[in-house]
């Protein structure tokens, strides 16, 4: 079985029956322009019970789906960002058509676990993967020539 499904990268929504459940990683990792929330900062609206403004959350939150939720990351709940410690995202810059595949480390060392490394290597077989480490560093994995 393949660890990644590249045909799901551009999927606009969640792959049924996947749901965020208790995962709130995107509420910390992603920037939300409408809330003036910078990346790598916990949203003021997220708590132990999840998002306090979920029914009224802004479009930036409503339209975001990580690659696990889209079904591009294979596996069950163990591959969900809050369990794996890595959240994958993919987007295309509208103005240039440039593709971006990102891996955000949720806690220090998560990108180095065997499970995360296997996914990173699978994604990097044919495209660059930018790595965002918990300590603020960035690096990239590139496909082998």
C-alpha atoms as a PDB file:
ATOM      1  CA  UNK A   1       0.000   0.000   0.000  1.00  0.00           C
ATOM      2  CA  UNK A   2       1.270   3.469  -0.876  1.00  0.00           C
ATOM      3  CA  UNK A   3       1.977   5.869   1.972  1.00  0.00           C
ATOM      4  CA  UNK A   4       0.812   8.873  -0.046  1.00  0.00           C
ATOM      5  CA  UNK A   5      -1.884   9.493  -2.629  1.00  0.00           C
ATOM      6  CA  UNK A   6      -0.677  12.241  -4.945  1.00  0.00           C
ATOM      7  CA  UNK A   7      -4.056  12.286  -6.715  1.00  0.00           C
ATOM      8  CA  UNK A   8      -5.530  13.724  -3.469  1.00  0.00           C
ATOM      9  CA  UNK A   9      -3.128  16.717  -3.217  1.00  0.00           C
ATOM     10  CA  UNK A  10      -5.526  19.110  -4.968  1.00  0.00           C
ATOM     11  CA  UNK A  11      -8.647  17.721  -3.361  1.00  0.00           C
ATOM     12  CA  UNK A  12     -10.799  20.630  -2.192  1.00  0.00           C
ATOM     13  CA  UNK A  13     -12.137  18.909   0.900  1.00  0.00           C
ATOM     14  CA  UNK A  14     -11.981  16.076   3.362  1.00  0.00           C
ATOM     15  CA  UNK A  15     -12.015  12.463   2.265  1.00  0.00           C
ATOM     16  CA  UNK A  16     -15.008  10.799   3.942  1.00  0.00           C
ATOM     17  CA  UNK A  17     -15.093   9.522   6.646  1.00  0.00           C
ATOM     18  CA  UNK A  18     -12.050  11.518   7.834  1.00  0.00           C
ATOM     19  CA  UNK A  19     -12.742  14.286  10.324  1.00  0.00           C
ATOM     20  CA  UNK A  20     -10.526  16.545  12.406  1.00  0.00           C
ATOM     21  CA  UNK A  21     -11.827  15.028  15.628  1.00  0.00           C
ATOM     22  CA  UNK A  22      -9.755  16.290  18.543  1.00  0.00           C
ATOM     23  CA  UNK A  23      -6.934  17.516  16.268  1.00  0.00           C
ATOM     24  CA  UNK A  24      -6.357  21.270  16.427  1.00  0.00           C
ATOM     25  CA  UNK A  25      -2.845  21.368  14.941  1.00  0.00           C
ATOM     26  CA  UNK A  26      -3.842  23.762  12.155  1.00  0.00           C
ATOM     27  CA  UNK A  27      -5.156  26.158  14.842  1.00  0.00           C
ATOM     28  CA  UNK A  28      -1.568  26.562  16.031  1.00  0.00           C
ATOM     29  CA  UNK A  29       0.534  26.035  12.912  1.00  0.00           C
ATOM     30  CA  UNK A  30      -1.316  28.052  10.264  1.00  0.00           C
ATOM     31  CA  UNK A  31      -1.596  31.829   9.968  1.00  0.00           C
ATOM     32  CA  UNK A  32      -5.176  33.144   9.773  1.00  0.00           C
ATOM     33  CA  UNK A  33      -5.341  36.542   8.109  1.00  0.00           C
ATOM     34  CA  UNK A  34      -8.946  37.242   9.120  1.00  0.00           C
ATOM     35  CA  UNK A  35      -8.051  36.764  12.799  1.00  0.00           C
ATOM     36  CA  UNK A  36      -4.647  38.458  12.489  1.00  0.00           C
ATOM     37  CA  UNK A  37      -3.193  35.218  13.832  1.00  0.00           C
ATOM     38  CA  UNK A  38       0.450  34.619  12.904  1.00  0.00           C
ATOM     39  CA  UNK A  39       1.752  31.176  12.080  1.00  0.00           C
ATOM     40  CA  UNK A  40       3.201  29.076  14.888  1.00  0.00           C
ATOM     41  CA  UNK A  41       1.001  30.775  17.498  1.00  0.00           C
ATOM     42  CA  UNK A  42      -2.027  29.176  19.133  1.00  0.00           C
ATOM     43  CA  UNK A  43      -5.287  30.755  18.081  1.00  0.00           C
ATOM     44  CA  UNK A  44      -7.025  32.635  20.874  1.00  0.00           C
ATOM     45  CA  UNK A  45     -10.230  30.732  20.062  1.00  0.00           C
ATOM     46  CA  UNK A  46      -8.859  27.196  20.510  1.00  0.00           C
ATOM     47  CA  UNK A  47      -9.024  25.422  23.826  1.00  0.00           C
ATOM     48  CA  UNK A  48      -9.358  21.970  25.341  1.00  0.00           C
ATOM     49  CA  UNK A  49     -12.798  21.546  23.726  1.00  0.00           C
ATOM     50  CA  UNK A  50     -11.551  22.647  20.278  1.00  0.00           C
ATOM     51  CA  UNK A  51     -12.534  25.790  18.400  1.00  0.00           C
ATOM     52  CA  UNK A  52     -14.844  28.075  20.371  1.00  0.00           C
ATOM     53  CA  UNK A  53     -15.980  29.872  17.184  1.00  0.00           C
ATOM     54  CA  UNK A  54     -16.230  26.805  14.945  1.00  0.00           C
ATOM     55  CA  UNK A  55     -19.726  27.576  13.547  1.00  0.00           C
ATOM     56  CA  UNK A  56     -18.664  31.169  12.772  1.00  0.00           C
ATOM     57  CA  UNK A  57     -14.989  30.553  11.976  1.00  0.00           C
ATOM     58  CA  UNK A  58     -13.506  32.641   9.131  1.00  0.00           C
ATOM     59  CA  UNK A  59     -13.145  31.402   5.552  1.00  0.00           C
ATOM     60  CA  UNK A  60      -9.395  30.868   6.023  1.00  0.00           C
ATOM     61  CA  UNK A  61     -10.151  28.243   8.661  1.00  0.00           C
ATOM     62  CA  UNK A  62     -13.249  26.826   6.982  1.00  0.00           C
ATOM     63  CA  UNK A  63     -11.482  26.242   3.648  1.00  0.00           C
ATOM     64  CA  UNK A  64      -8.265  24.716   5.046  1.00  0.00           C
ATOM     65  CA  UNK A  65      -7.845  20.951   4.883  1.00  0.00           C
ATOM     66  CA  UNK A  66      -4.504  19.337   5.746  1.00  0.00           C
ATOM     67  CA  UNK A  67      -3.268  16.492   3.555  1.00  0.00           C
ATOM     68  CA  UNK A  68      -4.295  13.868   6.092  1.00  0.00           C
ATOM     69  CA  UNK A  69      -7.856  15.182   6.007  1.00  0.00           C
ATOM     70  CA  UNK A  70      -7.805  15.285   2.178  1.00  0.00           C
ATOM     71  CA  UNK A  71      -6.679  11.667   2.068  1.00  0.00           C
ATOM     72  CA  UNK A  72      -3.241  12.321   0.541  1.00  0.00           C
ATOM     73  CA  UNK A  73      -1.594  10.847   3.660  1.00  0.00           C
ATOM     74  CA  UNK A  74      -2.471   7.179   4.008  1.00  0.00           C
ATOM     75  CA  UNK A  75      -3.224   5.610   7.330  1.00  0.00           C
ATOM     76  CA  UNK A  76      -5.751   5.960  10.064  1.00  0.00           C
ATOM     77  CA  UNK A  77      -5.769   8.200  13.098  1.00  0.00           C
ATOM     78  CA  UNK A  78      -2.100   7.396  13.804  1.00  0.00           C
ATOM     79  CA  UNK A  79      -1.207   9.508  10.741  1.00  0.00           C
ATOM     80  CA  UNK A  80      -3.406  12.432  11.817  1.00  0.00           C
ATOM     81  CA  UNK A  81      -1.251  15.508  12.563  1.00  0.00           C
ATOM     82  CA  UNK A  82      -1.862  15.504  16.315  1.00  0.00           C
ATOM     83  CA  UNK A  83      -0.720  11.867  16.553  1.00  0.00           C
ATOM     84  CA  UNK A  84       2.087  11.927  13.945  1.00  0.00           C
ATOM     85  CA  UNK A  85       3.488  15.277  15.049  1.00  0.00           C
ATOM     86  CA  UNK A  86       3.663  16.502  11.448  1.00  0.00           C
ATOM     87  CA  UNK A  87       1.038  18.360   9.449  1.00  0.00           C
ATOM     88  CA  UNK A  88       1.319  18.278   5.656  1.00  0.00           C
ATOM     89  CA  UNK A  89      -0.099  21.008   3.419  1.00  0.00           C
ATOM     90  CA  UNK A  90      -0.175  21.519  -0.338  1.00  0.00           C
ATOM     91  CA  UNK A  91      -1.216  24.582  -2.311  1.00  0.00           C
ATOM     92  CA  UNK A  92      -0.656  26.260  -5.653  1.00  0.00           C
ATOM     93  CA  UNK A  93       0.194  29.962  -5.880  1.00  0.00           C
ATOM     94  CA  UNK A  94      -2.519  31.414  -8.116  1.00  0.00           C
ATOM     95  CA  UNK A  95      -0.359  34.107  -9.725  1.00  0.00           C
ATOM     96  CA  UNK A  96       2.507  31.805 -10.744  1.00  0.00           C
ATOM     97  CA  UNK A  97       1.076  28.288 -10.700  1.00  0.00           C
ATOM     98  CA  UNK A  98       3.961  27.261  -8.425  1.00  0.00           C
ATOM     99  CA  UNK A  99       3.249  24.180  -6.303  1.00  0.00           C
ATOM    100  CA  UNK A 100       4.139  24.045  -2.619  1.00  0.00           C
ATOM    101  CA  UNK A 101       4.280  20.939  -0.433  1.00  0.00           C
ATOM    102  CA  UNK A 102       5.001  21.722   3.211  1.00  0.00           C
ATOM    103  CA  UNK A 103       5.591  19.621   6.309  1.00  0.00           C
ATOM    104  CA  UNK A 104       5.132  21.420   9.635  1.00  0.00           C
ATOM    105  CA  UNK A 105       6.739  19.876  12.703  1.00  0.00           C
ATOM    106  CA  UNK A 106       4.305  19.992  15.639  1.00  0.00           C
ATOM    107  CA  UNK A 107       6.803  19.075  18.377  1.00  0.00           C
ATOM    108  CA  UNK A 108      10.621  18.904  18.339  1.00  0.00           C
ATOM    109  CA  UNK A 109      11.932  15.743  16.688  1.00  0.00           C
ATOM    110  CA  UNK A 110       8.642  14.746  15.038  1.00  0.00           C
ATOM    111  CA  UNK A 111      10.075  15.132  11.509  1.00  0.00           C
ATOM    112  CA  UNK A 112      12.786  12.609  12.413  1.00  0.00           C
ATOM    113  CA  UNK A 113      10.533   9.732  13.477  1.00  0.00           C
ATOM    114  CA  UNK A 114      10.487   6.678  11.202  1.00  0.00           C
ATOM    115  CA  UNK A 115       6.787   7.227  10.385  1.00  0.00           C
ATOM    116  CA  UNK A 116       7.291  10.861   9.389  1.00  0.00           C
ATOM    117  CA  UNK A 117      10.498  10.101   7.446  1.00  0.00           C
ATOM    118  CA  UNK A 118       8.712   7.432   5.416  1.00  0.00           C
ATOM    119  CA  UNK A 119       5.989   9.921   4.438  1.00  0.00           C
ATOM    120  CA  UNK A 120       8.523  12.661   3.664  1.00  0.00           C
ATOM    121  CA  UNK A 121      10.516  10.329   1.439  1.00  0.00           C
ATOM    122  CA  UNK A 122       7.366   9.173  -0.351  1.00  0.00           C
ATOM    123  CA  UNK A 123       6.300  12.764  -1.087  1.00  0.00           C
ATOM    124  CA  UNK A 124       9.849  13.779  -2.074  1.00  0.00           C
ATOM    125  CA  UNK A 125      10.166  11.084  -4.742  1.00  0.00           C
ATOM    126  CA  UNK A 126       8.858  13.474  -7.391  1.00  0.00           C
ATOM    127  CA  UNK A 127       8.584  16.931  -5.772  1.00  0.00           C
ATOM    128  CA  UNK A 128      10.296  19.195  -3.293  1.00  0.00           C
ATOM    129  CA  UNK A 129       8.986  19.128   0.270  1.00  0.00           C
ATOM    130  CA  UNK A 130       9.705  22.185   2.422  1.00  0.00           C
ATOM    131  CA  UNK A 131      10.210  21.338   6.081  1.00  0.00           C
ATOM    132  CA  UNK A 132       9.215  23.761   8.820  1.00  0.00           C
ATOM    133  CA  UNK A 133      10.837  22.774  12.106  1.00  0.00           C
ATOM    134  CA  UNK A 134       9.316  23.603  15.476  1.00  0.00           C
ATOM    135  CA  UNK A 135      12.343  25.768  16.342  1.00  0.00           C
ATOM    136  CA  UNK A 136      11.776  28.025  13.314  1.00  0.00           C
ATOM    137  CA  UNK A 137      14.315  26.485  10.931  1.00  0.00           C
ATOM    138  CA  UNK A 138      13.382  25.620   7.359  1.00  0.00           C
ATOM    139  CA  UNK A 139      14.949  23.081   5.017  1.00  0.00           C
ATOM    140  CA  UNK A 140      13.865  21.078   1.988  1.00  0.00           C
ATOM    141  CA  UNK A 141      13.890  17.544   0.654  1.00  0.00           C
ATOM    142  CA  UNK A 142      14.296  17.395  -3.086  1.00  0.00           C
ATOM    143  CA  UNK A 143      13.630  14.530  -5.471  1.00  0.00           C
ATOM    144  CA  UNK A 144      16.633  12.473  -6.443  1.00  0.00           C
ATOM    145  CA  UNK A 145      17.820  13.414  -9.953  1.00  0.00           C
END
